[in-house]
Amino acid sequence: MEYALSHDDDGPPGEGLRESNLALRSEFDTGIETVYAVQDHALREGKSVKVESSSGKGRKVVCVADGCSVLVYLYRCKRADKTCGKWRLSSMELGHLNCSATAKPTKRQMIELATFTSVVRASGSVSASALVSQVQERDGISLGKHKRTVYRAREAVNEVAGKIVQRSVAKIPSLLAELERLNPGYTAVAE
């Protein structure tokens, strides 16, 4: 899966996670986007959800805790021409009553946290303990029990950052050539 580092380092806590205001009949372009929205809502509440059943036309998302009443049904709309359209939240119960679930952030969710990404960008070899501490302090999300996922998310952020640097370095020769063209008589050199 490809990740992007598009959010600002100075954003509010939890920035990057999808909006937590889920509403009936909310529409999404893909089934994955709908599941991500429900996962992000659960994470903001300190809980975790899973996809209990999935097909090309629908998904059922439930809380990971037994006995919890959280239940979200997602289905794919049909257009007038009988082709598949957007995904829609058809019914949901979001109250975590009698719920013992705790947050279990996914790698994607960690990467989308502005705090997580900015700490990794500042020091690519930052320890998992330091990342856990920073995210807990700023975003109030505990990653302590999920260090394996923290390491994987850190490596994904470093990989994307490395690709950005490679693309930037690859542009230097053409920039130097353009400088020479715009400034006749000067020689542009990169060291």
C-alpha atoms as a PDB file:
ATOM      1  CA  MET A   1       0.000   0.000   0.000  1.00  0.00           C
ATOM      2  CA  GLU A   2       1.307   3.470  -0.891  1.00  0.00           C
ATOM      3  CA  TYR A   3       1.194   6.184   1.747  1.00  0.00           C
ATOM      4  CA  ALA A   4       1.377   9.934   1.327  1.00  0.00           C
ATOM      5  CA  LEU A   5       2.687  12.541   3.717  1.00  0.00           C
ATOM      6  CA  SER A   6       0.345  15.360   2.885  1.00  0.00           C
ATOM      7  CA  HIS A   7      -0.686  16.919   6.156  1.00  0.00           C
ATOM      8  CA  ASP A   8       0.948  19.833   7.899  1.00  0.00           C
ATOM      9  CA  ASP A   9       3.236  19.291  10.903  1.00  0.00           C
ATOM     10  CA  ASP A  10       1.536  22.061  12.878  1.00  0.00           C
ATOM     11  CA  GLY A  11      -2.027  20.804  12.569  1.00  0.00           C
ATOM     12  CA  PRO A  12      -4.374  19.975  15.426  1.00  0.00           C
ATOM     13  CA  PRO A  13      -4.071  16.696  17.370  1.00  0.00           C
ATOM     14  CA  GLY A  14      -5.240  13.695  15.389  1.00  0.00           C
ATOM     15  CA  GLU A  15      -5.155  15.627  12.130  1.00  0.00           C
ATOM     16  CA  GLY A  16      -5.126  13.327   9.153  1.00  0.00           C
ATOM     17  CA  LEU A  17      -7.701  10.911  10.478  1.00  0.00           C
ATOM     18  CA  ARG A  18     -10.970  11.038   8.628  1.00  0.00           C
ATOM     19  CA  GLU A  19     -13.742  13.198  10.024  1.00  0.00           C
ATOM     20  CA  SER A  20     -15.382  11.506  12.989  1.00  0.00           C
ATOM     21  CA  ASN A  21     -18.899  12.830  12.317  1.00  0.00           C
ATOM     22  CA  LEU A  22     -20.496   9.817  10.686  1.00  0.00           C
ATOM     23  CA  ALA A  23     -24.069  10.240   9.532  1.00  0.00           C
ATOM     24  CA  LEU A  24     -26.618   7.938   7.977  1.00  0.00           C
ATOM     25  CA  ARG A  25     -26.531   8.072   4.197  1.00  0.00           C
ATOM     26  CA  SER A  26     -22.969   9.464   4.175  1.00  0.00           C
ATOM     27  CA  GLU A  27     -21.428   8.524   0.832  1.00  0.00           C
ATOM     28  CA  PHE A  28     -17.895   7.422  -0.026  1.00  0.00           C
ATOM     29  CA  ASP A  29     -16.184   6.589  -3.301  1.00  0.00           C
ATOM     30  CA  THR A  30     -14.850   3.179  -2.216  1.00  0.00           C
ATOM     31  CA  GLY A  31     -15.643   0.478   0.309  1.00  0.00           C
ATOM     32  CA  ILE A  32     -12.209   0.948   1.875  1.00  0.00           C
ATOM     33  CA  GLU A  33     -12.929   4.654   2.476  1.00  0.00           C
ATOM     34  CA  THR A  34     -16.131   3.770   4.318  1.00  0.00           C
ATOM     35  CA  VAL A  35     -14.341   1.277   6.549  1.00  0.00           C
ATOM     36  CA  TYR A  36     -11.540   3.794   7.197  1.00  0.00           C
ATOM     37  CA  ALA A  37     -14.106   6.410   8.259  1.00  0.00           C
ATOM     38  CA  VAL A  38     -15.660   3.994  10.766  1.00  0.00           C
ATOM     39  CA  GLN A  39     -12.208   2.893  12.034  1.00  0.00           C
ATOM     40  CA  ASP A  40     -11.140   6.512  12.513  1.00  0.00           C
ATOM     41  CA  HIS A  41     -14.363   7.318  14.366  1.00  0.00           C
ATOM     42  CA  ALA A  42     -13.724   4.374  16.695  1.00  0.00           C
ATOM     43  CA  LEU A  43     -10.097   5.425  17.287  1.00  0.00           C
ATOM     44  CA  ARG A  44     -11.204   8.943  18.257  1.00  0.00           C
ATOM     45  CA  GLU A  45     -13.450   7.305  20.863  1.00  0.00           C
ATOM     46  CA  GLY A  46     -10.620   5.089  22.110  1.00  0.00           C
ATOM     47  CA  LYS A  47     -12.162   1.930  20.659  1.00  0.00           C
ATOM     48  CA  SER A  48     -11.488  -0.479  17.814  1.00  0.00           C
ATOM     49  CA  VAL A  49     -13.709  -2.056  15.163  1.00  0.00           C
ATOM     50  CA  LYS A  50     -13.411  -4.866  12.643  1.00  0.00           C
ATOM     51  CA  VAL A  51     -15.113  -5.870   9.403  1.00  0.00           C
ATOM     52  CA  GLU A  52     -17.249  -8.865  10.308  1.00  0.00           C
ATOM     53  CA  SER A  53     -18.489  -9.582   6.797  1.00  0.00           C
ATOM     54  CA  SER A  54     -17.637  -8.181   3.405  1.00  0.00           C
ATOM     55  CA  SER A  55     -18.820  -8.579  -0.164  1.00  0.00           C
ATOM     56  CA  GLY A  56     -18.779  -6.567  -3.349  1.00  0.00           C
ATOM     57  CA  LYS A  57     -22.071  -4.964  -2.380  1.00  0.00           C
ATOM     58  CA  GLY A  58     -21.850  -4.521   1.383  1.00  0.00           C
ATOM     59  CA  ARG A  59     -19.871  -4.581   4.595  1.00  0.00           C
ATOM     60  CA  LYS A  60     -20.775  -5.133   8.230  1.00  0.00           C
ATOM     61  CA  VAL A  61     -18.489  -3.420  10.748  1.00  0.00           C
ATOM     62  CA  VAL A  62     -18.677  -4.297  14.455  1.00  0.00           C
ATOM     63  CA  CYS A  63     -16.782  -3.484  17.635  1.00  0.00           C
ATOM     64  CA  VAL A  64     -13.993  -5.911  18.537  1.00  0.00           C
ATOM     65  CA  ALA A  65     -15.428  -6.387  22.054  1.00  0.00           C
ATOM     66  CA  ASP A  66     -17.967  -9.159  22.571  1.00  0.00           C
ATOM     67  CA  GLY A  67     -21.347  -7.842  23.648  1.00  0.00           C
ATOM     68  CA  CYS A  68     -20.763  -4.294  22.438  1.00  0.00           C
ATOM     69  CA  SER A  69     -23.676  -2.825  20.497  1.00  0.00           C
ATOM     70  CA  VAL A  70     -21.629  -0.990  17.847  1.00  0.00           C
ATOM     71  CA  LEU A  71     -22.803  -2.058  14.407  1.00  0.00           C
ATOM     72  CA  VAL A  72     -22.456  -0.294  11.047  1.00  0.00           C
ATOM     73  CA  TYR A  73     -23.857  -1.509   7.732  1.00  0.00           C
ATOM     74  CA  LEU A  74     -22.374  -0.169   4.519  1.00  0.00           C
ATOM     75  CA  TYR A  75     -23.728  -0.904   1.078  1.00  0.00           C
ATOM     76  CA  ARG A  76     -22.929  -0.012  -2.506  1.00  0.00           C
ATOM     77  CA  CYS A  77     -25.555   2.071  -4.290  1.00  0.00           C
ATOM     78  CA  LYS A  78     -26.757   1.235  -7.781  1.00  0.00           C
ATOM     79  CA  ARG A  79     -27.034   3.936 -10.388  1.00  0.00           C
ATOM     80  CA  ALA A  80     -30.036   4.316 -12.677  1.00  0.00           C
ATOM     81  CA  ASP A  81     -28.117   2.465 -15.400  1.00  0.00           C
ATOM     82  CA  LYS A  82     -27.670  -0.513 -12.999  1.00  0.00           C
ATOM     83  CA  THR A  83     -23.911   0.045 -12.554  1.00  0.00           C
ATOM     84  CA  CYS A  84     -22.303   0.252  -9.135  1.00  0.00           C
ATOM     85  CA  GLY A  85     -22.070   3.678  -7.564  1.00  0.00           C
ATOM     86  CA  LYS A  86     -20.848   5.116  -4.287  1.00  0.00           C
ATOM     87  CA  TRP A  87     -20.780   3.400  -0.910  1.00  0.00           C
ATOM     88  CA  ARG A  88     -23.294   4.561   1.705  1.00  0.00           C
ATOM     89  CA  LEU A  89     -23.749   4.102   5.446  1.00  0.00           C
ATOM     90  CA  SER A  90     -27.174   2.466   5.550  1.00  0.00           C
ATOM     91  CA  SER A  91     -27.563   1.908   9.291  1.00  0.00           C
ATOM     92  CA  MET A  92     -25.440   2.316  12.361  1.00  0.00           C
ATOM     93  CA  GLU A  93     -25.375   2.095  16.115  1.00  0.00           C
ATOM     94  CA  LEU A  94     -22.259   3.850  17.424  1.00  0.00           C
ATOM     95  CA  GLY A  95     -22.826   3.754  21.205  1.00  0.00           C
ATOM     96  CA  HIS A  96     -20.189   1.546  22.835  1.00  0.00           C
ATOM     97  CA  LEU A  97     -22.473   0.253  25.620  1.00  0.00           C
ATOM     98  CA  ASN A  98     -20.916  -2.284  28.008  1.00  0.00           C
ATOM     99  CA  CYS A  99     -17.785  -2.121  25.877  1.00  0.00           C
ATOM    100  CA  SER A 100     -14.397  -3.363  27.036  1.00  0.00           C
ATOM    101  CA  ALA A 101     -12.602  -2.623  23.752  1.00  0.00           C
ATOM    102  CA  THR A 102      -9.555  -0.379  23.664  1.00  0.00           C
ATOM    103  CA  ALA A 103      -8.036   1.512  20.769  1.00  0.00           C
ATOM    104  CA  LYS A 104      -5.864  -0.560  18.466  1.00  0.00           C
ATOM    105  CA  PRO A 105      -4.593   1.875  15.833  1.00  0.00           C
ATOM    106  CA  THR A 106      -3.714   0.434  12.448  1.00  0.00           C
ATOM    107  CA  LYS A 107      -0.518   1.257  10.575  1.00  0.00           C
ATOM    108  CA  ARG A 108      -2.511   3.543   8.293  1.00  0.00           C
ATOM    109  CA  GLN A 109      -3.988   5.424  11.244  1.00  0.00           C
ATOM    110  CA  MET A 110      -0.573   5.894  12.846  1.00  0.00           C
ATOM    111  CA  ILE A 111       0.854   7.236   9.589  1.00  0.00           C
ATOM    112  CA  GLU A 112      -2.043   9.682   9.270  1.00  0.00           C
ATOM    113  CA  LEU A 113      -1.429  11.170  12.724  1.00  0.00           C
ATOM    114  CA  ALA A 114       0.374  14.500  12.255  1.00  0.00           C
ATOM    115  CA  THR A 115       2.329  13.988  15.488  1.00  0.00           C
ATOM    116  CA  PHE A 116       3.584  10.557  14.456  1.00  0.00           C
ATOM    117  CA  THR A 117       4.663  11.662  10.989  1.00  0.00           C
ATOM    118  CA  SER A 118       6.351  14.871  12.153  1.00  0.00           C
ATOM    119  CA  VAL A 119       8.359  13.043  14.843  1.00  0.00           C
ATOM    120  CA  VAL A 120       9.533  10.420  12.331  1.00  0.00           C
ATOM    121  CA  ARG A 121      10.386  13.102   9.768  1.00  0.00           C
ATOM    122  CA  ALA A 122      12.448  14.960  12.382  1.00  0.00           C
ATOM    123  CA  SER A 123      14.442  11.810  13.182  1.00  0.00           C
ATOM    124  CA  GLY A 124      13.942   8.717  11.036  1.00  0.00           C
ATOM    125  CA  SER A 125      15.554   6.483  13.651  1.00  0.00           C
ATOM    126  CA  VAL A 126      13.399   7.688  16.556  1.00  0.00           C
ATOM    127  CA  SER A 127      12.661   4.885  19.009  1.00  0.00           C
ATOM    128  CA  ALA A 128       9.235   3.315  19.260  1.00  0.00           C
ATOM    129  CA  SER A 129       9.088   4.364  22.923  1.00  0.00           C
ATOM    130  CA  ALA A 130       9.657   8.012  21.975  1.00  0.00           C
ATOM    131  CA  LEU A 131       6.947   7.799  19.306  1.00  0.00           C
ATOM    132  CA  VAL A 132       4.525   6.207  21.755  1.00  0.00           C
ATOM    133  CA  SER A 133       5.256   8.940  24.300  1.00  0.00           C
ATOM    134  CA  GLN A 134       4.841  11.822  21.819  1.00  0.00           C
ATOM    135  CA  VAL A 135       1.557  10.511  20.376  1.00  0.00           C
ATOM    136  CA  GLN A 136       0.172   9.819  23.863  1.00  0.00           C
ATOM    137  CA  GLU A 137       1.117  13.312  25.025  1.00  0.00           C
ATOM    138  CA  ARG A 138      -0.185  15.266  22.028  1.00  0.00           C
ATOM    139  CA  ASP A 139      -3.039  13.146  20.646  1.00  0.00           C
ATOM    140  CA  GLY A 140      -4.051  11.148  23.714  1.00  0.00           C
ATOM    141  CA  ILE A 141      -3.819   7.894  21.754  1.00  0.00           C
ATOM    142  CA  SER A 142      -2.009   5.007  23.405  1.00  0.00           C
ATOM    143  CA  LEU A 143       0.287   3.039  21.114  1.00  0.00           C
ATOM    144  CA  GLY A 144       2.193   1.309  23.928  1.00  0.00           C
ATOM    145  CA  LYS A 145       0.786  -2.173  23.353  1.00  0.00           C
ATOM    146  CA  HIS A 146       1.294  -1.938  19.600  1.00  0.00           C
ATOM    147  CA  LYS A 147       5.037  -1.401  19.189  1.00  0.00           C
ATOM    148  CA  ARG A 148       5.311  -3.842  16.304  1.00  0.00           C
ATOM    149  CA  THR A 149       2.816  -1.734  14.348  1.00  0.00           C
ATOM    150  CA  VAL A 150       4.668   1.431  15.456  1.00  0.00           C
ATOM    151  CA  TYR A 151       7.891   0.071  13.922  1.00  0.00           C
ATOM    152  CA  ARG A 152       6.099  -0.814  10.675  1.00  0.00           C
ATOM    153  CA  ALA A 153       4.457   2.609  10.463  1.00  0.00           C
ATOM    154  CA  ARG A 154       7.788   4.325  11.161  1.00  0.00           C
ATOM    155  CA  GLU A 155       9.422   2.373   8.331  1.00  0.00           C
ATOM    156  CA  ALA A 156       6.576   3.270   5.953  1.00  0.00           C
ATOM    157  CA  VAL A 157       6.984   6.992   6.762  1.00  0.00           C
ATOM    158  CA  ASN A 158      10.760   6.707   6.258  1.00  0.00           C
ATOM    159  CA  GLU A 159      10.235   4.918   2.932  1.00  0.00           C
ATOM    160  CA  VAL A 160       7.926   7.651   1.636  1.00  0.00           C
ATOM    161  CA  ALA A 161      10.301  10.368   2.868  1.00  0.00           C
ATOM    162  CA  GLY A 162      13.192   8.604   1.087  1.00  0.00           C
ATOM    163  CA  LYS A 163      11.229   8.543  -2.172  1.00  0.00           C
ATOM    164  CA  ILE A 164      10.513  12.260  -1.831  1.00  0.00           C
ATOM    165  CA  VAL A 165      14.238  12.958  -1.388  1.00  0.00           C
ATOM    166  CA  GLN A 166      15.104  10.785  -4.411  1.00  0.00           C
ATOM    167  CA  ARG A 167      12.611  12.654  -6.607  1.00  0.00           C
ATOM    168  CA  SER A 168      13.975  15.987  -5.387  1.00  0.00           C
ATOM    169  CA  VAL A 169      17.599  15.019  -6.073  1.00  0.00           C
ATOM    170  CA  ALA A 170      16.654  13.771  -9.543  1.00  0.00           C
ATOM    171  CA  LYS A 171      15.382  17.273 -10.394  1.00  0.00           C
ATOM    172  CA  ILE A 172      18.711  19.003  -9.629  1.00  0.00           C
ATOM    173  CA  PRO A 173      20.393  18.458 -13.050  1.00  0.00           C
ATOM    174  CA  SER A 174      17.451  19.975 -14.940  1.00  0.00           C
ATOM    175  CA  LEU A 175      17.344  22.929 -12.524  1.00  0.00           C
ATOM    176  CA  LEU A 176      21.064  23.560 -13.029  1.00  0.00           C
ATOM    177  CA  ALA A 177      20.639  23.397 -16.805  1.00  0.00           C
ATOM    178  CA  GLU A 178      17.800  25.919 -16.593  1.00  0.00           C
ATOM    179  CA  LEU A 179      19.943  28.252 -14.441  1.00  0.00           C
ATOM    180  CA  GLU A 180      22.732  28.117 -17.038  1.00  0.00           C
ATOM    181  CA  ARG A 181      20.252  28.822 -19.824  1.00  0.00           C
ATOM    182  CA  LEU A 182      18.796  31.839 -17.994  1.00  0.00           C
ATOM    183  CA  ASN A 183      22.231  33.169 -17.006  1.00  0.00           C
ATOM    184  CA  PRO A 184      24.537  32.999 -20.052  1.00  0.00           C
ATOM    185  CA  GLY A 185      28.209  33.036 -19.142  1.00  0.00           C
ATOM    186  CA  TYR A 186      27.669  31.380 -15.753  1.00  0.00           C
ATOM    187  CA  THR A 187      28.286  27.740 -14.938  1.00  0.00           C
ATOM    188  CA  ALA A 188      25.948  26.068 -12.446  1.00  0.00           C
ATOM    189  CA  VAL A 189      27.616  23.407 -10.309  1.00  0.00           C
ATOM    190  CA  ALA A 190      26.195  21.159  -7.596  1.00  0.00           C
ATOM    191  CA  GLU A 191      28.470  19.796  -4.903  1.00  0.00           C
END
